[in-house]
Amino acid sequence: MKRLDEFGEKLQLEYPCAWVYKVVGFHRASIENAISEIIQEKTVAITLSNQSRNQKYIALNLEVIVDNEAERNAIYIALKAHAEIKMVL
């Protein structure tokens, strides 16, 4: 996962740093359980981001301290692959 800044260059981060993933699914409890399965040994902050008009989808912000780019990418891949999570931004 390569993040680019507004000038099209690779984003330079200083680790460890706080990183926020937007996680989308159908049910808040299912998303939170998936997050707990994936991120077991770190403190996370989960807040409501948005809910679709018909309340079919819910988006949560997941904030976690990541120690390096490999860990940041591994969390993204694991979240994206989980059956209860429909999208990760």
Protein backbone atom coordinates (compact mmCIF):
# COMPACT_ATOMS: atom_id res chain seq x y z
CA MET A 1 0.00 0.00 0.00
CA LYS A 2 1.78 3.11 -1.21
CA ARG A 3 0.45 6.43 0.14
CA LEU A 4 1.16 9.53 -1.87
CA ASP A 5 1.10 13.12 -0.68
CA GLU A 6 -0.57 15.96 -2.60
CA PHE A 7 2.47 16.24 -4.89
CA GLY A 8 2.39 12.57 -5.91
CA GLU A 9 5.41 11.65 -3.80
CA LYS A 10 5.59 8.82 -1.29
CA LEU A 11 4.28 9.90 2.10
CA GLN A 12 7.10 10.22 4.64
CA LEU A 13 6.07 9.19 8.14
CA GLU A 14 8.00 9.12 11.38
CA TYR A 15 7.34 5.92 13.32
CA PRO A 16 5.88 5.11 15.71
CA CYS A 17 2.84 7.19 14.81
CA ALA A 18 -0.92 7.20 15.16
CA TRP A 19 -2.69 5.87 12.07
CA VAL A 20 -6.41 5.96 11.32
CA TYR A 21 -8.16 3.35 9.17
CA LYS A 22 -11.76 3.85 8.07
CA VAL A 23 -13.42 0.44 8.35
CA VAL A 24 -16.80 -0.25 6.70
CA GLY A 25 -19.16 -3.14 7.38
CA PHE A 26 -22.74 -4.04 8.23
CA HIS A 27 -22.79 -4.22 12.04
CA ARG A 28 -20.73 -2.26 14.54
CA ALA A 29 -20.29 -5.20 16.91
CA SER A 30 -19.05 -7.45 14.07
CA ILE A 31 -16.56 -4.83 12.93
CA GLU A 32 -15.31 -4.29 16.48
CA ASN A 33 -14.91 -8.06 16.98
CA ALA A 34 -12.93 -8.30 13.74
CA ILE A 35 -10.68 -5.46 14.88
CA SER A 36 -10.11 -7.24 18.21
CA GLU A 37 -9.15 -10.45 16.41
CA ILE A 38 -6.66 -8.63 14.19
CA ILE A 39 -5.18 -6.14 16.66
CA GLN A 40 -4.78 -8.08 19.87
CA GLU A 41 -1.94 -6.45 21.77
CA LYS A 42 -2.40 -2.75 21.05
CA THR A 43 -4.72 -0.13 22.42
CA VAL A 44 -7.14 1.11 19.79
CA ALA A 45 -9.68 3.92 19.63
CA ILE A 46 -12.84 3.18 17.67
CA THR A 47 -15.26 5.97 16.83
CA LEU A 48 -18.28 6.26 14.58
CA SER A 49 -17.43 7.86 11.26
CA ASN A 50 -20.64 7.59 9.25
CA GLN A 51 -23.70 5.47 8.59
CA SER A 52 -25.49 5.03 5.28
CA ARG A 53 -28.86 6.71 4.89
CA ASN A 54 -30.71 3.38 4.95
CA GLN A 55 -28.45 2.19 7.83
CA LYS A 56 -27.22 -0.80 5.82
CA TYR A 57 -23.54 0.17 6.18
CA ILE A 58 -21.59 1.65 9.06
CA ALA A 59 -18.14 3.23 8.92
CA LEU A 60 -15.88 3.34 11.95
CA ASN A 61 -12.58 5.14 12.47
CA LEU A 62 -9.94 2.87 13.94
CA GLU A 63 -6.95 4.69 15.43
CA VAL A 64 -3.90 2.70 16.49
CA ILE A 65 -0.21 3.42 17.06
CA VAL A 66 1.85 1.64 14.40
CA ASP A 67 5.56 1.01 14.88
CA ASN A 68 6.60 0.84 11.21
CA GLU A 69 5.34 0.74 7.64
CA ALA A 70 5.30 -3.07 7.54
CA GLU A 71 2.99 -3.21 10.56
CA ARG A 72 0.74 -0.47 9.12
CA ASN A 73 0.40 -2.38 5.85
CA ALA A 74 -0.10 -5.74 7.59
CA ILE A 75 -3.00 -4.35 9.63
CA TYR A 76 -4.57 -2.91 6.46
CA ILE A 77 -4.28 -6.25 4.64
CA ALA A 78 -5.69 -8.21 7.59
CA LEU A 79 -8.63 -5.84 7.99
CA LYS A 80 -9.37 -5.94 4.26
CA ALA A 81 -9.31 -9.76 4.22
CA HIS A 82 -11.70 -10.22 7.17
CA ALA A 83 -15.17 -11.50 6.20
CA GLU A 84 -16.99 -9.01 8.47
CA ILE A 85 -15.26 -6.00 6.92
CA LYS A 86 -16.44 -4.82 3.51
CA MET A 87 -13.98 -1.98 2.89
CA VAL A 88 -10.93 -0.34 4.44
CA LEU A 89 -9.74 3.18 3.62
